[in-house]
Amino acid sequence: MVNVPKIPELSVTNLLADVVRDAKLKKYLPDLIDSEGRIKTISRQFLFNIINSLKPEFFPQNIAGLMKSRKEDQAEKNKTFIEVKSHIYDLIMNS
């Protein structure tokens, strides 16, 4: 059993669109397209266990990439700069 943190990018809704097009994964899942062409819902745990069984690198790579991206975004938000006018900069450098 795989335990994936609840990350919006790795939601069942987001993954199902890709899973429906993946022939390897489709073989192990029930028919996910209803008679009207819409994607059906499926148990999160079941779907994630299938993905993890067939593509064990998928979740670790994606979670690491998402966490790195979030940290970089947060670091970018936390950056604060002080604007120093050129005459003040010259004064500081010459003192």
N, C-alpha and C. Protein backbone atom coordinates (compact mmCIF):
# COMPACT_ATOMS: atom_id res chain seq x y z
N MET A 1 0.85 -1.18 0.00
CA MET A 1 0.00 0.00 0.00
C MET A 1 0.89 1.24 0.00
N VAL A 2 0.54 2.16 -0.85
CA VAL A 2 1.28 3.41 -0.92
C VAL A 2 0.49 4.48 -0.17
N ASN A 3 1.21 5.34 0.53
CA ASN A 3 0.59 6.42 1.27
C ASN A 3 1.07 7.74 0.67
N VAL A 4 0.24 8.34 -0.16
CA VAL A 4 0.61 9.58 -0.85
C VAL A 4 -0.04 10.75 -0.13
N PRO A 5 0.75 11.79 0.20
CA PRO A 5 0.15 12.95 0.85
C PRO A 5 -0.88 13.60 -0.06
N LYS A 6 -1.84 14.26 0.54
CA LYS A 6 -2.90 14.91 -0.25
C LYS A 6 -2.34 16.21 -0.82
N ILE A 7 -1.94 16.13 -2.06
CA ILE A 7 -1.39 17.26 -2.80
C ILE A 7 -2.32 17.51 -3.97
N PRO A 8 -2.80 18.74 -4.15
CA PRO A 8 -3.77 19.00 -5.23
C PRO A 8 -3.30 18.53 -6.61
N GLU A 9 -2.02 18.64 -6.88
CA GLU A 9 -1.50 18.23 -8.19
C GLU A 9 -1.58 16.71 -8.38
N LEU A 10 -1.62 15.97 -7.28
CA LEU A 10 -1.69 14.51 -7.36
C LEU A 10 -3.06 14.01 -6.91
N SER A 11 -4.08 14.71 -7.30
CA SER A 11 -5.44 14.29 -6.96
C SER A 11 -5.90 13.23 -7.96
N VAL A 12 -6.91 12.48 -7.58
CA VAL A 12 -7.47 11.46 -8.48
C VAL A 12 -7.95 12.12 -9.77
N THR A 13 -8.62 13.25 -9.64
CA THR A 13 -9.14 13.95 -10.82
C THR A 13 -8.02 14.31 -11.79
N ASN A 14 -6.92 14.83 -11.26
CA ASN A 14 -5.80 15.21 -12.13
C ASN A 14 -5.12 13.99 -12.75
N LEU A 15 -4.98 12.92 -12.00
CA LEU A 15 -4.28 11.74 -12.51
C LEU A 15 -5.13 10.92 -13.47
N LEU A 16 -6.44 10.91 -13.28
CA LEU A 16 -7.30 10.08 -14.14
C LEU A 16 -7.20 10.44 -15.61
N ALA A 17 -7.07 11.72 -15.90
CA ALA A 17 -6.96 12.13 -17.31
C ALA A 17 -5.74 11.48 -17.97
N ASP A 18 -4.63 11.36 -17.23
CA ASP A 18 -3.43 10.72 -17.77
C ASP A 18 -3.56 9.20 -17.77
N VAL A 19 -4.17 8.65 -16.72
CA VAL A 19 -4.30 7.21 -16.59
C VAL A 19 -5.15 6.63 -17.73
N VAL A 20 -6.19 7.33 -18.12
CA VAL A 20 -7.08 6.87 -19.18
C VAL A 20 -6.31 6.69 -20.49
N ARG A 21 -5.27 7.49 -20.69
CA ARG A 21 -4.48 7.40 -21.94
C ARG A 21 -3.29 6.45 -21.83
N ASP A 22 -3.03 5.91 -20.64
CA ASP A 22 -1.88 5.04 -20.43
C ASP A 22 -2.30 3.57 -20.58
N ALA A 23 -1.87 2.93 -21.65
CA ALA A 23 -2.27 1.55 -21.95
C ALA A 23 -1.82 0.59 -20.85
N LYS A 24 -0.65 0.80 -20.29
CA LYS A 24 -0.12 -0.10 -19.26
C LYS A 24 -1.01 -0.07 -18.01
N LEU A 25 -1.43 1.12 -17.59
CA LEU A 25 -2.26 1.25 -16.39
C LEU A 25 -3.70 0.83 -16.66
N LYS A 26 -4.20 1.13 -17.85
CA LYS A 26 -5.60 0.83 -18.19
C LYS A 26 -5.92 -0.65 -18.07
N LYS A 27 -4.94 -1.51 -18.32
CA LYS A 27 -5.17 -2.95 -18.26
C LYS A 27 -5.60 -3.41 -16.86
N TYR A 28 -5.18 -2.69 -15.84
CA TYR A 28 -5.43 -3.10 -14.46
C TYR A 28 -6.56 -2.34 -13.79
N LEU A 29 -7.22 -1.48 -14.54
CA LEU A 29 -8.30 -0.66 -13.98
C LEU A 29 -9.63 -0.99 -14.65
N PRO A 30 -10.72 -0.74 -13.93
CA PRO A 30 -12.03 -0.93 -14.57
C PRO A 30 -12.21 0.11 -15.69
N ASP A 31 -13.23 -0.06 -16.49
CA ASP A 31 -13.52 0.90 -17.55
C ASP A 31 -13.79 2.26 -16.91
N LEU A 32 -12.99 3.24 -17.23
CA LEU A 32 -13.09 4.55 -16.58
C LEU A 32 -13.89 5.57 -17.37
N ILE A 33 -14.32 5.22 -18.57
CA ILE A 33 -15.11 6.14 -19.39
C ILE A 33 -16.56 5.65 -19.39
N ASP A 34 -17.49 6.54 -19.01
CA ASP A 34 -18.90 6.13 -19.00
C ASP A 34 -19.49 6.22 -20.41
N SER A 35 -20.76 5.88 -20.53
CA SER A 35 -21.41 5.85 -21.84
C SER A 35 -21.51 7.22 -22.50
N GLU A 36 -21.38 8.28 -21.71
CA GLU A 36 -21.45 9.64 -22.24
C GLU A 36 -20.07 10.24 -22.50
N GLY A 37 -19.02 9.43 -22.33
CA GLY A 37 -17.66 9.89 -22.60
C GLY A 37 -16.98 10.60 -21.45
N ARG A 38 -17.61 10.62 -20.28
CA ARG A 38 -17.02 11.26 -19.12
C ARG A 38 -16.18 10.27 -18.34
N ILE A 39 -15.19 10.78 -17.62
CA ILE A 39 -14.34 9.93 -16.80
C ILE A 39 -15.04 9.66 -15.47
N LYS A 40 -15.14 8.37 -15.11
CA LYS A 40 -15.76 7.97 -13.85
C LYS A 40 -14.78 8.21 -12.70
N THR A 41 -15.32 8.22 -11.48
CA THR A 41 -14.44 8.32 -10.31
C THR A 41 -13.99 6.92 -9.90
N ILE A 42 -12.93 6.89 -9.11
CA ILE A 42 -12.36 5.63 -8.67
C ILE A 42 -11.75 5.86 -7.29
N SER A 43 -11.63 4.83 -6.51
CA SER A 43 -11.04 4.93 -5.18
C SER A 43 -9.60 5.44 -5.28
N ARG A 44 -9.30 6.44 -4.50
CA ARG A 44 -7.95 7.04 -4.49
C ARG A 44 -6.91 5.99 -4.14
N GLN A 45 -7.14 5.25 -3.06
CA GLN A 45 -6.18 4.25 -2.61
C GLN A 45 -5.95 3.18 -3.67
N PHE A 46 -7.04 2.70 -4.29
CA PHE A 46 -6.92 1.68 -5.33
C PHE A 46 -6.12 2.21 -6.52
N LEU A 47 -6.47 3.39 -7.00
CA LEU A 47 -5.77 3.98 -8.14
C LEU A 47 -4.29 4.19 -7.83
N PHE A 48 -3.99 4.75 -6.67
CA PHE A 48 -2.60 5.03 -6.33
C PHE A 48 -1.80 3.75 -6.14
N ASN A 49 -2.42 2.69 -5.62
CA ASN A 49 -1.71 1.42 -5.48
C ASN A 49 -1.40 0.81 -6.84
N ILE A 50 -2.31 0.92 -7.78
CA ILE A 50 -2.05 0.42 -9.15
C ILE A 50 -0.90 1.20 -9.77
N ILE A 51 -0.97 2.52 -9.68
CA ILE A 51 0.10 3.35 -10.25
C ILE A 51 1.44 3.01 -9.60
N ASN A 52 1.45 2.89 -8.28
CA ASN A 52 2.69 2.60 -7.56
C ASN A 52 3.23 1.21 -7.90
N SER A 53 2.35 0.26 -8.13
CA SER A 53 2.79 -1.10 -8.47
C SER A 53 3.44 -1.15 -9.85
N LEU A 54 2.85 -0.44 -10.79
CA LEU A 54 3.35 -0.50 -12.17
C LEU A 54 4.42 0.54 -12.46
N LYS A 55 4.39 1.64 -11.74
CA LYS A 55 5.37 2.72 -11.95
C LYS A 55 5.86 3.21 -10.58
N PRO A 56 6.70 2.41 -9.91
CA PRO A 56 7.10 2.74 -8.54
C PRO A 56 7.87 4.06 -8.40
N GLU A 57 8.43 4.54 -9.48
CA GLU A 57 9.18 5.80 -9.43
C GLU A 57 8.26 7.02 -9.52
N PHE A 58 7.01 6.84 -9.93
CA PHE A 58 6.11 7.96 -10.22
C PHE A 58 5.89 8.87 -9.02
N PHE A 59 5.43 8.32 -7.90
CA PHE A 59 5.11 9.17 -6.76
C PHE A 59 6.33 9.79 -6.10
N PRO A 60 7.41 9.04 -5.84
CA PRO A 60 8.58 9.69 -5.24
C PRO A 60 9.13 10.85 -6.09
N GLN A 61 9.19 10.64 -7.40
CA GLN A 61 9.71 11.70 -8.28
C GLN A 61 8.78 12.90 -8.30
N ASN A 62 7.49 12.66 -8.43
CA ASN A 62 6.54 13.78 -8.49
C ASN A 62 6.43 14.52 -7.18
N ILE A 63 6.42 13.81 -6.08
CA ILE A 63 6.34 14.47 -4.77
C ILE A 63 7.59 15.30 -4.53
N ALA A 64 8.76 14.75 -4.83
CA ALA A 64 10.01 15.50 -4.66
C ALA A 64 10.01 16.75 -5.54
N GLY A 65 9.58 16.61 -6.78
CA GLY A 65 9.53 17.76 -7.69
C GLY A 65 8.55 18.83 -7.22
N LEU A 66 7.39 18.40 -6.75
CA LEU A 66 6.39 19.36 -6.26
C LEU A 66 6.87 20.07 -5.00
N MET A 67 7.50 19.34 -4.09
CA MET A 67 8.00 19.95 -2.85
C MET A 67 9.11 20.96 -3.17
N LYS A 68 9.99 20.59 -4.10
CA LYS A 68 11.06 21.50 -4.49
C LYS A 68 10.48 22.76 -5.10
N SER A 69 9.51 22.60 -5.98
CA SER A 69 8.87 23.75 -6.62
C SER A 69 8.19 24.64 -5.59
N ARG A 70 7.51 24.04 -4.63
CA ARG A 70 6.84 24.83 -3.59
C ARG A 70 7.84 25.58 -2.73
N LYS A 71 8.96 24.93 -2.39
CA LYS A 71 9.99 25.60 -1.59
C LYS A 71 10.58 26.78 -2.36
N GLU A 72 10.83 26.58 -3.66
CA GLU A 72 11.38 27.66 -4.48
C GLU A 72 10.38 28.81 -4.59
N ASP A 73 9.10 28.49 -4.76
CA ASP A 73 8.07 29.53 -4.83
C ASP A 73 8.00 30.31 -3.53
N GLN A 74 8.05 29.58 -2.40
CA GLN A 74 7.99 30.23 -1.10
C GLN A 74 9.24 31.09 -0.87
N ALA A 75 10.40 30.60 -1.26
CA ALA A 75 11.63 31.37 -1.11
C ALA A 75 11.56 32.64 -1.95
N GLU A 76 10.99 32.53 -3.14
CA GLU A 76 10.85 33.70 -4.01
C GLU A 76 9.91 34.73 -3.39
N LYS A 77 8.84 34.27 -2.76
CA LYS A 77 7.90 35.17 -2.10
C LYS A 77 8.54 35.86 -0.90
N ASN A 78 9.44 35.15 -0.22
CA ASN A 78 10.05 35.69 0.99
C ASN A 78 11.23 36.62 0.72
N LYS A 79 11.67 36.67 -0.52
CA LYS A 79 12.78 37.56 -0.83
C LYS A 79 12.34 39.01 -0.68
N THR A 80 13.12 39.73 0.05
CA THR A 80 12.85 41.17 0.18
C THR A 80 14.13 41.90 -0.18
N PHE A 81 13.96 42.96 -0.89
CA PHE A 81 15.09 43.74 -1.34
C PHE A 81 14.96 45.17 -0.86
N ILE A 82 16.09 45.76 -0.63
CA ILE A 82 16.12 47.16 -0.27
C ILE A 82 16.68 47.90 -1.48
N GLU A 83 15.93 48.86 -1.93
CA GLU A 83 16.39 49.63 -3.07
C GLU A 83 17.30 50.74 -2.56
N VAL A 84 18.51 50.75 -3.10
CA VAL A 84 19.49 51.76 -2.71
C VAL A 84 19.77 52.62 -3.93
N LYS A 85 19.51 53.92 -3.78
CA LYS A 85 19.78 54.86 -4.87
C LYS A 85 21.29 54.93 -5.11
N SER A 86 21.66 55.25 -6.32
CA SER A 86 23.08 55.22 -6.70
C SER A 86 23.92 56.17 -5.85
N HIS A 87 23.39 57.36 -5.53
CA HIS A 87 24.20 58.30 -4.74
C HIS A 87 24.39 57.78 -3.30
N ILE A 88 23.43 57.06 -2.76
CA ILE A 88 23.59 56.47 -1.43
C ILE A 88 24.58 55.31 -1.50
N TYR A 89 24.48 54.50 -2.55
CA TYR A 89 25.41 53.39 -2.73
C TYR A 89 26.84 53.90 -2.82
N ASP A 90 27.06 54.95 -3.60
CA ASP A 90 28.39 55.54 -3.71
C ASP A 90 28.88 56.04 -2.36
N LEU A 91 28.01 56.65 -1.61
CA LEU A 91 28.37 57.15 -0.27
C LEU A 91 28.79 56.00 0.63
N ILE A 92 28.05 54.92 0.59
CA ILE A 92 28.38 53.76 1.44
C ILE A 92 29.71 53.14 1.01
N MET A 93 29.90 53.00 -0.28
CA MET A 93 31.12 52.37 -0.78
C MET A 93 32.36 53.23 -0.55
N ASN A 94 32.19 54.51 -0.50
CA ASN A 94 33.33 55.42 -0.33
C ASN A 94 33.64 55.70 1.15
N SER A 95 32.82 55.25 2.04
CA SER A 95 33.07 55.56 3.46
C SER A 95 33.88 54.48 4.13
